[in-house]
Protein backbone atom coordinates (compact mmCIF):
# COMPACT_ATOMS: atom_id res chain seq x y z
CA UNK A 1 0.00 0.00 0.00
CA UNK A 2 1.32 3.43 -0.96
CA UNK A 3 0.77 6.38 1.40
CA UNK A 4 -0.40 9.61 -0.19
CA UNK A 5 1.17 12.82 1.01
CA UNK A 6 -1.02 15.61 2.30
CA UNK A 7 -1.97 18.03 -0.47
CA UNK A 8 -3.67 20.86 1.46
CA UNK A 9 -3.58 22.34 4.93
CA UNK A 10 -4.51 25.53 6.76
CA UNK A 11 -1.84 28.18 7.29
CA UNK A 12 -1.84 31.43 9.28
CA UNK A 13 -0.67 34.76 7.90
CA UNK A 14 0.83 36.21 11.09
CA UNK A 15 0.92 39.67 9.54
CA UNK A 16 -2.89 39.66 9.59
CA UNK A 17 -3.45 37.66 12.79
CA UNK A 18 -4.05 39.52 16.06
CA UNK A 19 -5.85 37.65 18.84
CA UNK A 20 -6.46 40.96 20.64
CA UNK A 21 -8.81 41.97 17.83
CA UNK A 22 -10.48 38.55 17.74
CA UNK A 23 -11.76 38.72 21.31
CA UNK A 24 -10.72 41.96 23.06
CA UNK A 25 -12.04 40.78 26.44
CA UNK A 26 -10.61 37.25 26.63
CA UNK A 27 -7.97 37.08 23.87
CA UNK A 28 -9.23 33.75 22.60
CA UNK A 29 -8.79 33.10 18.88
CA UNK A 30 -12.09 32.39 17.11
CA UNK A 31 -10.39 29.83 14.86
CA UNK A 32 -9.13 27.89 17.89
CA UNK A 33 -12.69 27.64 19.17
CA UNK A 34 -14.00 26.58 15.75
CA UNK A 35 -11.47 23.79 15.18
CA UNK A 36 -13.33 20.61 16.09
CA UNK A 37 -10.18 18.55 15.48
CA UNK A 38 -8.24 20.64 18.04
CA UNK A 39 -5.23 21.16 15.77
CA UNK A 40 -5.09 24.93 16.34
CA UNK A 41 -3.78 26.02 19.73
CA UNK A 42 -2.78 29.21 21.48
CA UNK A 43 0.30 27.63 23.00
CA UNK A 44 1.50 30.72 24.85
CA UNK A 45 -1.94 31.56 26.24
CA UNK A 46 -4.68 34.09 25.64
CA UNK A 47 -3.96 37.14 23.49
CA UNK A 48 -1.24 35.22 21.60
CA UNK A 49 -1.40 34.14 17.97
CA UNK A 50 -2.38 30.51 17.43
CA UNK A 51 -0.32 27.73 15.91
CA UNK A 52 -1.74 25.21 13.45
CA UNK A 53 -0.36 21.68 13.63
CA UNK A 54 -0.42 21.37 9.84
CA UNK A 55 0.42 17.68 9.74
CA UNK A 56 -2.77 16.99 11.72
CA UNK A 57 -5.02 19.40 9.77
CA UNK A 58 -8.04 17.52 8.44
CA UNK A 59 -8.99 20.11 5.83
CA UNK A 60 -12.45 20.89 7.20
CA UNK A 61 -11.73 24.65 6.85
CA UNK A 62 -13.89 25.61 9.85
CA UNK A 63 -10.99 27.75 11.05
CA UNK A 64 -10.97 29.75 7.80
CA UNK A 65 -14.66 30.56 8.13
CA UNK A 66 -14.27 31.48 11.82
CA UNK A 67 -11.29 33.83 11.47
CA UNK A 68 -12.59 37.43 11.53
CA UNK A 69 -9.21 38.77 10.32
CA UNK A 70 -9.15 36.41 7.29
CA UNK A 71 -5.65 35.44 8.42
CA UNK A 72 -6.02 31.71 7.69
CA UNK A 73 -5.79 30.40 4.17
CA UNK A 74 -5.63 27.07 2.39
CA UNK A 75 -2.12 26.17 1.33
CA UNK A 76 -1.58 23.60 -1.39
CA UNK A 77 1.50 21.47 -1.85
CA UNK A 78 2.26 20.67 -5.47
PDB file of N, CA and C in Angstrom:
ATOM      1  N   UNK A   1       0.843  -1.179   0.000  1.00  0.00           N
ATOM      2  CA  UNK A   1       0.000   0.000   0.000  1.00  0.00           C
ATOM      3  C   UNK A   1       0.893   1.248   0.000  1.00  0.00           C
ATOM      4  N   UNK A   2       0.560   2.193  -0.866  1.00  0.00           N
ATOM      5  CA  UNK A   2       1.322   3.432  -0.957  1.00  0.00           C
ATOM      6  C   UNK A   2       0.601   4.529  -0.182  1.00  0.00           C
ATOM      7  N   UNK A   3       1.350   5.303   0.602  1.00  0.00           N
ATOM      8  CA  UNK A   3       0.767   6.380   1.404  1.00  0.00           C
ATOM      9  C   UNK A   3       0.822   7.670   0.599  1.00  0.00           C
ATOM     10  N   UNK A   4      -0.315   8.327   0.512  1.00  0.00           N
ATOM     11  CA  UNK A   4      -0.401   9.612  -0.190  1.00  0.00           C
ATOM     12  C   UNK A   4       0.038  10.734   0.731  1.00  0.00           C
ATOM     13  N   UNK A   5       0.784  11.670   0.208  1.00  0.00           N
ATOM     14  CA  UNK A   5       1.172  12.824   1.014  1.00  0.00           C
ATOM     15  C   UNK A   5       0.009  13.814   1.075  1.00  0.00           C
ATOM     16  N   UNK A   6       0.020  14.612   2.114  1.00  0.00           N
ATOM     17  CA  UNK A   6      -1.022  15.607   2.297  1.00  0.00           C
ATOM     18  C   UNK A   6      -0.873  16.673   1.225  1.00  0.00           C
ATOM     19  N   UNK A   7      -2.002  17.061   0.615  1.00  0.00           N
ATOM     20  CA  UNK A   7      -1.971  18.033  -0.466  1.00  0.00           C
ATOM     21  C   UNK A   7      -2.363  19.442  -0.015  1.00  0.00           C
ATOM     22  N   UNK A   8      -3.217  19.557   0.996  1.00  0.00           N
ATOM     23  CA  UNK A   8      -3.673  20.862   1.456  1.00  0.00           C
ATOM     24  C   UNK A   8      -3.676  20.916   2.977  1.00  0.00           C
ATOM     25  N   UNK A   9      -3.514  22.122   3.491  1.00  0.00           N
ATOM     26  CA  UNK A   9      -3.580  22.337   4.932  1.00  0.00           C
ATOM     27  C   UNK A   9      -3.866  23.813   5.176  1.00  0.00           C
ATOM     28  N   UNK A  10      -4.257  24.143   6.379  1.00  0.00           N
ATOM     29  CA  UNK A  10      -4.508  25.527   6.759  1.00  0.00           C
ATOM     30  C   UNK A  10      -3.208  26.167   7.227  1.00  0.00           C
ATOM     31  N   UNK A  11      -3.039  27.448   6.883  1.00  0.00           N
ATOM     32  CA  UNK A  11      -1.840  28.184   7.291  1.00  0.00           C
ATOM     33  C   UNK A  11      -2.244  29.586   7.726  1.00  0.00           C
ATOM     34  N   UNK A  12      -1.535  30.114   8.718  1.00  0.00           N
ATOM     35  CA  UNK A  12      -1.842  31.433   9.276  1.00  0.00           C
ATOM     36  C   UNK A  12      -0.897  32.481   8.705  1.00  0.00           C
ATOM     37  N   UNK A  13      -1.465  33.599   8.291  1.00  0.00           N
ATOM     38  CA  UNK A  13      -0.674  34.764   7.903  1.00  0.00           C
ATOM     39  C   UNK A  13      -0.525  35.610   9.165  1.00  0.00           C
ATOM     40  N   UNK A  14       0.636  35.532   9.809  1.00  0.00           N
ATOM     41  CA  UNK A  14       0.829  36.210  11.092  1.00  0.00           C
ATOM     42  C   UNK A  14       0.866  37.728  10.959  1.00  0.00           C
ATOM     43  N   UNK A  15       1.013  38.238   9.757  1.00  0.00           N
ATOM     44  CA  UNK A  15       0.923  39.667   9.539  1.00  0.00           C
ATOM     45  C   UNK A  15      -0.501  40.183   9.686  1.00  0.00           C
ATOM     46  N   UNK A  16      -1.469  39.295   9.481  1.00  0.00           N
ATOM     47  CA  UNK A  16      -2.885  39.660   9.590  1.00  0.00           C
ATOM     48  C   UNK A  16      -3.505  39.223  10.914  1.00  0.00           C
ATOM     49  N   UNK A  17      -2.888  38.262  11.582  1.00  0.00           N
ATOM     50  CA  UNK A  17      -3.451  37.655  12.791  1.00  0.00           C
ATOM     51  C   UNK A  17      -3.161  38.515  14.021  1.00  0.00           C
ATOM     52  N   UNK A  18      -4.209  38.801  14.795  1.00  0.00           N
ATOM     53  CA  UNK A  18      -4.054  39.520  16.057  1.00  0.00           C
ATOM     54  C   UNK A  18      -5.175  39.071  16.993  1.00  0.00           C
ATOM     55  N   UNK A  19      -4.850  38.206  17.934  1.00  0.00           N
ATOM     56  CA  UNK A  19      -5.855  37.650  18.842  1.00  0.00           C
ATOM     57  C   UNK A  19      -6.528  38.724  19.689  1.00  0.00           C
ATOM     58  N   UNK A  20      -5.854  39.857  19.870  1.00  0.00           N
ATOM     59  CA  UNK A  20      -6.456  40.962  20.641  1.00  0.00           C
ATOM     60  C   UNK A  20      -7.682  41.521  19.919  1.00  0.00           C
ATOM     61  N   UNK A  21      -7.667  41.481  18.596  1.00  0.00           N
ATOM     62  CA  UNK A  21      -8.810  41.965  17.829  1.00  0.00           C
ATOM     63  C   UNK A  21      -9.901  40.909  17.709  1.00  0.00           C
ATOM     64  N   UNK A  22      -9.529  39.660  17.831  1.00  0.00           N
ATOM     65  CA  UNK A  22     -10.484  38.553  17.742  1.00  0.00           C
ATOM     66  C   UNK A  22     -11.483  38.600  18.901  1.00  0.00           C
ATOM     67  N   UNK A  23     -10.949  38.718  20.089  1.00  0.00           N
ATOM     68  CA  UNK A  23     -11.755  38.719  21.308  1.00  0.00           C
ATOM     69  C   UNK A  23     -11.078  39.665  22.298  1.00  0.00           C
ATOM     70  N   UNK A  24     -11.410  40.972  22.230  1.00  0.00           N
ATOM     71  CA  UNK A  24     -10.716  41.963  23.064  1.00  0.00           C
ATOM     72  C   UNK A  24     -10.812  41.703  24.567  1.00  0.00           C
ATOM     73  N   UNK A  25     -11.858  41.020  25.009  1.00  0.00           N
ATOM     74  CA  UNK A  25     -12.037  40.784  26.444  1.00  0.00           C
ATOM     75  C   UNK A  25     -11.241  39.581  26.950  1.00  0.00           C
ATOM     76  N   UNK A  26     -11.231  38.494  26.163  1.00  0.00           N
ATOM     77  CA  UNK A  26     -10.612  37.250  26.628  1.00  0.00           C
ATOM     78  C   UNK A  26      -9.366  36.841  25.854  1.00  0.00           C
ATOM     79  N   UNK A  27      -9.149  37.410  24.665  1.00  0.00           N
ATOM     80  CA  UNK A  27      -7.969  37.084  23.871  1.00  0.00           C
ATOM     81  C   UNK A  27      -7.957  35.691  23.299  1.00  0.00           C
ATOM     82  N   UNK A  28      -9.132  35.105  23.126  1.00  0.00           N
ATOM     83  CA  UNK A  28      -9.226  33.750  22.599  1.00  0.00           C
ATOM     84  C   UNK A  28      -9.495  33.819  21.097  1.00  0.00           C
ATOM     85  N   UNK A  29      -8.667  33.140  20.334  1.00  0.00           N
ATOM     86  CA  UNK A  29      -8.786  33.104  18.884  1.00  0.00           C
ATOM     87  C   UNK A  29     -10.065  32.372  18.467  1.00  0.00           C
ATOM     88  N   UNK A  30     -10.843  32.994  17.582  1.00  0.00           N
ATOM     89  CA  UNK A  30     -12.092  32.387  17.106  1.00  0.00           C
ATOM     90  C   UNK A  30     -11.831  31.097  16.340  1.00  0.00           C
ATOM     91  N   UNK A  31     -10.717  31.033  15.622  1.00  0.00           N
ATOM     92  CA  UNK A  31     -10.386  29.827  14.857  1.00  0.00           C
ATOM     93  C   UNK A  31     -10.060  28.658  15.776  1.00  0.00           C
ATOM     94  N   UNK A  32      -9.434  28.940  16.906  1.00  0.00           N
ATOM     95  CA  UNK A  32      -9.133  27.890  17.889  1.00  0.00           C
ATOM     96  C   UNK A  32     -10.440  27.279  18.387  1.00  0.00           C
ATOM     97  N   UNK A  33     -11.400  28.127  18.688  1.00  0.00           N
ATOM     98  CA  UNK A  33     -12.693  27.639  19.174  1.00  0.00           C
ATOM     99  C   UNK A  33     -13.444  26.854  18.106  1.00  0.00           C
ATOM    100  N   UNK A  34     -13.267  27.223  16.837  1.00  0.00           N
ATOM    101  CA  UNK A  34     -13.996  26.581  15.746  1.00  0.00           C
ATOM    102  C   UNK A  34     -13.405  25.248  15.316  1.00  0.00           C
ATOM    103  N   UNK A  35     -12.138  25.004  15.639  1.00  0.00           N
ATOM    104  CA  UNK A  35     -11.469  23.786  15.176  1.00  0.00           C
ATOM    105  C   UNK A  35     -11.935  22.578  15.989  1.00  0.00           C
ATOM    106  N   UNK A  36     -12.801  21.791  15.396  1.00  0.00           N
ATOM    107  CA  UNK A  36     -13.331  20.612  16.092  1.00  0.00           C
ATOM    108  C   UNK A  36     -12.292  19.504  16.230  1.00  0.00           C
ATOM    109  N   UNK A  37     -11.235  19.566  15.418  1.00  0.00           N
ATOM    110  CA  UNK A  37     -10.177  18.552  15.480  1.00  0.00           C
ATOM    111  C   UNK A  37      -9.069  18.933  16.467  1.00  0.00           C
ATOM    112  N   UNK A  38      -9.178  20.142  17.009  1.00  0.00           N
ATOM    113  CA  UNK A  38      -8.238  20.641  18.037  1.00  0.00           C
ATOM    114  C   UNK A  38      -6.789  20.658  17.561  1.00  0.00           C
ATOM    115  N   UNK A  39      -6.585  21.074  16.305  1.00  0.00           N
ATOM    116  CA  UNK A  39      -5.225  21.155  15.775  1.00  0.00           C
ATOM    117  C   UNK A  39      -4.716  22.596  15.727  1.00  0.00           C
ATOM    118  N   UNK A  40      -5.520  23.538  16.207  1.00  0.00           N
ATOM    119  CA  UNK A  40      -5.089  24.928  16.338  1.00  0.00           C
ATOM    120  C   UNK A  40      -5.065  25.242  17.827  1.00  0.00           C
ATOM    121  N   UNK A  41      -3.946  25.739  18.296  1.00  0.00           N
ATOM    122  CA  UNK A  41      -3.784  26.018  19.730  1.00  0.00           C
ATOM    123  C   UNK A  41      -3.125  27.379  19.931  1.00  0.00           C
ATOM    124  N   UNK A  42      -3.490  28.027  21.016  1.00  0.00           N
ATOM    125  CA  UNK A  42      -2.775  29.209  21.476  1.00  0.00           C
ATOM    126  C   UNK A  42      -1.813  28.726  22.551  1.00  0.00           C
ATOM    127  N   UNK A  43      -0.658  28.295  22.124  1.00  0.00           N
ATOM    128  CA  UNK A  43       0.304  27.627  23.004  1.00  0.00           C
ATOM    129  C   UNK A  43       0.803  28.523  24.129  1.00  0.00           C
ATOM    130  N   UNK A  44       0.961  29.799  23.851  1.00  0.00           N
ATOM    131  CA  UNK A  44       1.497  30.723  24.850  1.00  0.00           C
ATOM    132  C   UNK A  44       0.411  31.423  25.647  1.00  0.00           C
ATOM    133  N   UNK A  45      -0.841  31.014  25.466  1.00  0.00           N
ATOM    134  CA  UNK A  45      -1.939  31.556  26.245  1.00  0.00           C
ATOM    135  C   UNK A  45      -2.784  32.570  25.494  1.00  0.00           C
ATOM    136  N   UNK A  46      -3.753  33.108  26.206  1.00  0.00           N
ATOM    137  CA  UNK A  46      -4.679  34.087  25.637  1.00  0.00           C
ATOM    138  C   UNK A  46      -3.920  35.296  25.118  1.00  0.00           C
ATOM    139  N   UNK A  47      -4.504  35.945  24.140  1.00  0.00           N
ATOM    140  CA  UNK A  47      -3.959  37.138  23.494  1.00  0.00           C
ATOM    141  C   UNK A  47      -2.723  36.860  22.641  1.00  0.00           C
ATOM    142  N   UNK A  48      -2.360  35.592  22.463  1.00  0.00           N
ATOM    143  CA  UNK A  48      -1.239  35.224  21.604  1.00  0.00           C
ATOM    144  C   UNK A  48      -1.765  34.602  20.312  1.00  0.00           C
ATOM    145  N   UNK A  49      -1.005  34.730  19.248  1.00  0.00           N
ATOM    146  CA  UNK A  49      -1.397  34.141  17.969  1.00  0.00           C
ATOM    147  C   UNK A  49      -1.386  32.617  18.067  1.00  0.00           C
ATOM    148  N   UNK A  50      -2.321  31.969  17.378  1.00  0.00           N
ATOM    149  CA  UNK A  50      -2.383  30.506  17.432  1.00  0.00           C
ATOM    150  C   UNK A  50      -1.354  29.852  16.520  1.00  0.00           C
ATOM    151  N   UNK A  51      -1.181  28.576  16.729  1.00  0.00           N
ATOM    152  CA  UNK A  51      -0.316  27.734  15.911  1.00  0.00           C
ATOM    153  C   UNK A  51      -1.182  26.610  15.353  1.00  0.00           C
ATOM    154  N   UNK A  52      -1.021  26.326  14.067  1.00  0.00           N
ATOM    155  CA  UNK A  52      -1.738  25.209  13.447  1.00  0.00           C
ATOM    156  C   UNK A  52      -0.765  24.039  13.308  1.00  0.00           C
ATOM    157  N   UNK A  53      -1.142  22.898  13.817  1.00  0.00           N
ATOM    158  CA  UNK A  53      -0.363  21.680  13.625  1.00  0.00           C
ATOM    159  C   UNK A  53      -0.749  21.128  12.251  1.00  0.00           C
ATOM    160  N   UNK A  54      -0.040  21.604  11.232  1.00  0.00           N
ATOM    161  CA  UNK A  54      -0.422  21.366   9.843  1.00  0.00           C
ATOM    162  C   UNK A  54      -0.449  19.896   9.470  1.00  0.00           C
ATOM    163  N   UNK A  55       0.414  19.098  10.062  1.00  0.00           N
ATOM    164  CA  UNK A  55       0.424  17.677   9.738  1.00  0.00           C
ATOM    165  C   UNK A  55      -0.824  16.963  10.246  1.00  0.00           C
ATOM    166  N   UNK A  56      -1.541  17.582  11.175  1.00  0.00           N
ATOM    167  CA  UNK A  56      -2.773  16.993  11.715  1.00  0.00           C
ATOM    168  C   UNK A  56      -4.035  17.619  11.132  1.00  0.00           C
ATOM    169  N   UNK A  57      -3.878  18.680  10.349  1.00  0.00           N
ATOM    170  CA  UNK A  57      -5.018  19.400   9.773  1.00  0.00           C
ATOM    171  C   UNK A  57      -5.845  18.452   8.909  1.00  0.00           C
ATOM    172  N   UNK A  58      -7.150  18.422   9.149  1.00  0.00           N
ATOM    173  CA  UNK A  58      -8.042  17.520   8.441  1.00  0.00           C
ATOM    174  C   UNK A  58      -8.690  18.156   7.215  1.00  0.00           C
ATOM    175  N   UNK A  59      -8.449  19.441   7.010  1.00  0.00           N
ATOM    176  CA  UNK A  59      -8.993  20.115   5.827  1.00  0.00           C
ATOM    177  C   UNK A  59     -10.483  20.390   5.895  1.00  0.00           C
ATOM    178  N   UNK A  60     -11.017  20.585   7.087  1.00  0.00           N
ATOM    179  CA  UNK A  60     -12.454  20.891   7.200  1.00  0.00           C
ATOM    180  C   UNK A  60     -12.738  22.372   6.931  1.00  0.00           C
ATOM    181  N   UNK A  61     -11.714  23.211   7.112  1.00  0.00           N
ATOM    182  CA  UNK A  61     -11.731  24.653   6.849  1.00  0.00           C
ATOM    183  C   UNK A  61     -12.659  25.444   7.760  1.00  0.00           C
ATOM    184  N   UNK A  62     -13.080  24.881   8.869  1.00  0.00           N
ATOM    185  CA  UNK A  62     -13.892  25.614   9.850  1.00  0.00           C
ATOM    186  C   UNK A  62     -13.115  26.812  10.394  1.00  0.00           C
ATOM    187  N   UNK A  63     -11.813  26.670  10.532  1.00  0.00           N
ATOM    188  CA  UNK A  63     -10.986  27.754  11.051  1.00  0.00           C
ATOM    189  C   UNK A  63     -10.980  28.950  10.101  1.00  0.00           C
ATOM    190  N   UNK A  64     -10.983  28.680   8.804  1.00  0.00           N
ATOM    191  CA  UNK A  64     -10.972  29.751   7.804  1.00  0.00           C
ATOM    192  C   UNK A  64     -12.258  30.559   7.899  1.00  0.00           C
ATOM    193  N   UNK A  65     -13.369  29.873   8.019  1.00  0.00           N
ATOM    194  CA  UNK A  65     -14.663  30.558   8.134  1.00  0.00           C
ATOM    195  C   UNK A  65     -14.774  31.337   9.439  1.00  0.00           C
ATOM    196  N   UNK A  66     -14.143  30.851  10.501  1.00  0.00           N
ATOM    197  CA  UNK A  66     -14.271  31.476  11.822  1.00  0.00           C
ATOM    198  C   UNK A  66     -13.352  32.671  12.017  1.00  0.00           C
ATOM    199  N   UNK A  67     -12.286  32.776  11.257  1.00  0.00           N
ATOM    200  CA  UNK A  67     -11.289  33.831  11.475  1.00  0.00           C
ATOM    201  C   UNK A  67     -11.809  35.187  10.999  1.00  0.00           C
ATOM    202  N   UNK A  68     -12.063  36.120  11.931  1.00  0.00           N
ATOM    203  CA  UNK A  68     -12.586  37.429  11.529  1.00  0.00           C
ATOM    204  C   UNK A  68     -11.553  38.296  10.808  1.00  0.00           C
ATOM    205  N   UNK A  69     -10.271  37.992  10.966  1.00  0.00           N
ATOM    206  CA  UNK A  69      -9.213  38.766  10.318  1.00  0.00           C
ATOM    207  C   UNK A  69      -8.855  38.213   8.936  1.00  0.00           C
ATOM    208  N   UNK A  70      -9.461  37.091   8.550  1.00  0.00           N
ATOM    209  CA  UNK A  70      -9.151  36.411   7.291  1.00  0.00           C
ATOM    210  C   UNK A  70      -7.658  36.092   7.202  1.00  0.00           C
ATOM    211  N   UNK A  71      -7.083  35.707   8.341  1.00  0.00           N
ATOM    212  CA  UNK A  71      -5.649  35.441   8.417  1.00  0.00           C
ATOM    213  C   UNK A  71      -5.298  33.978   8.159  1.00  0.00           C
ATOM    214  N   UNK A  72      -6.287  33.133   7.944  1.00  0.00           N
ATOM    215  CA  UNK A  72      -6.023  31.714   7.693  1.00  0.00           C
ATOM    216  C   UNK A  72      -6.434  31.389   6.270  1.00  0.00           C
ATOM    217  N   UNK A  73      -5.524  30.766   5.564  1.00  0.00           N
ATOM    218  CA  UNK A  73      -5.791  30.396   4.170  1.00  0.00           C
ATOM    219  C   UNK A  73      -5.471  28.932   3.940  1.00  0.00           C
ATOM    220  N   UNK A  74      -5.972  28.422   2.826  1.00  0.00           N
ATOM    221  CA  UNK A  74      -5.632  27.071   2.388  1.00  0.00           C
ATOM    222  C   UNK A  74      -4.311  27.134   1.651  1.00  0.00           C
ATOM    223  N   UNK A  75      -3.397  26.289   2.041  1.00  0.00           N
ATOM    224  CA  UNK A  75      -2.121  26.165   1.327  1.00  0.00           C
ATOM    225  C   UNK A  75      -2.111  24.812   0.618  1.00  0.00           C
ATOM    226  N   UNK A  76      -1.656  24.821  -0.611  1.00  0.00           N
ATOM    227  CA  UNK A  76      -1.580  23.596  -1.393  1.00  0.00           C
ATOM    228  C   UNK A  76      -0.114  23.253  -1.653  1.00  0.00           C
ATOM    229  N   UNK A  77       0.177  21.971  -1.537  1.00  0.00           N
ATOM    230  CA  UNK A  77       1.501  21.472  -1.853  1.00  0.00           C
ATOM    231  C   UNK A  77       1.416  20.840  -3.242  1.00  0.00           C
ATOM    232  N   UNK A  78       2.315  21.228  -4.121  1.00  0.00           N
ATOM    233  CA  UNK A  78       2.258  20.674  -5.473  1.00  0.00           C
ATOM    234  C   UNK A  78       3.371  19.684  -5.693  1.00  0.00           C
TER     235      UNK A  78
END
